Amino acid sequence: MNTKRLVLLNVIILIILVGGGFTAYSYYNRTVNYLSTDNAQIVGQQVTIAAPANGSIH
């Protein structure tokens, strides 16, 4: 292989490795710091909230 082709190949491999490392770090950071679920539900009694009087605030 000539030198230019070898340097180009090394640069391409370096870019792929850096991109893969960034993607892996991003995935790790998201899974460690944020919760996620496909089935989130809240159990409790519903309460109606209403104003004690009709009108507007001036």
Protein backbone atom coordinates (compact mmCIF):
# COMPACT_ATOMS: atom_id res chain seq x y z
CA MET A 1 0.00 0.00 0.00
CA ASN A 2 1.20 3.46 -0.64
CA THR A 3 1.53 6.02 2.16
CA LYS A 4 -1.43 8.22 1.20
CA ARG A 5 -3.81 5.28 1.14
CA LEU A 6 -2.54 4.05 4.52
CA VAL A 7 -2.96 7.50 6.11
CA LEU A 8 -6.48 7.82 4.66
CA LEU A 9 -7.40 4.38 5.99
CA ASN A 10 -6.09 5.28 9.45
CA VAL A 11 -8.06 8.55 9.47
CA ILE A 12 -11.26 6.75 8.45
CA ILE A 13 -10.79 4.10 11.14
CA LEU A 14 -10.10 6.83 13.73
CA ILE A 15 -13.30 8.67 12.77
CA ILE A 16 -15.31 5.45 13.05
CA LEU A 17 -13.82 4.66 16.48
CA VAL A 18 -14.44 8.18 17.82
CA GLY A 19 -18.03 8.10 16.51
CA GLY A 20 -18.60 4.69 18.08
CA GLY A 21 -17.17 5.88 21.38
CA PHE A 22 -19.41 8.94 21.37
CA THR A 23 -22.45 6.79 20.60
CA ALA A 24 -21.58 4.32 23.37
CA TYR A 25 -21.07 7.14 25.90
CA SER A 26 -24.36 8.76 24.89
CA TYR A 27 -26.23 5.46 25.29
CA TYR A 28 -24.59 4.76 28.66
CA ASN A 29 -25.35 8.27 29.93
CA ARG A 30 -29.01 8.00 28.89
CA THR A 31 -29.52 4.59 30.50
CA VAL A 32 -27.84 5.54 33.78
CA ASN A 33 -29.32 9.03 34.30
CA TYR A 34 -32.85 8.78 32.90
CA LEU A 35 -35.72 6.44 33.63
CA SER A 36 -37.86 5.09 30.82
CA THR A 37 -40.86 2.83 30.63
CA ASP A 38 -43.33 1.53 28.07
CA ASN A 39 -46.11 1.02 30.60
CA ALA A 40 -46.39 4.06 32.90
CA GLN A 41 -49.63 4.23 34.88
CA ILE A 42 -50.83 6.24 37.86
CA VAL A 43 -53.14 4.72 40.44
CA GLY A 44 -55.25 7.00 42.60
CA GLN A 45 -58.56 8.71 43.12
CA GLN A 46 -59.54 11.50 40.72
CA VAL A 47 -60.44 14.78 42.38
CA THR A 48 -62.29 17.60 40.60
CA ILE A 49 -60.77 21.02 41.17
CA ALA A 50 -62.96 24.10 40.66
CA ALA A 51 -62.93 27.76 41.63
CA PRO A 52 -65.14 28.64 44.67
CA ALA A 53 -66.84 31.49 42.74
CA ASN A 54 -67.39 32.55 39.16
CA GLY A 55 -65.84 35.75 37.86
CA SER A 56 -62.62 37.27 36.66
CA ILE A 57 -59.63 38.67 38.46
CA HIS A 58 -59.01 42.41 38.04
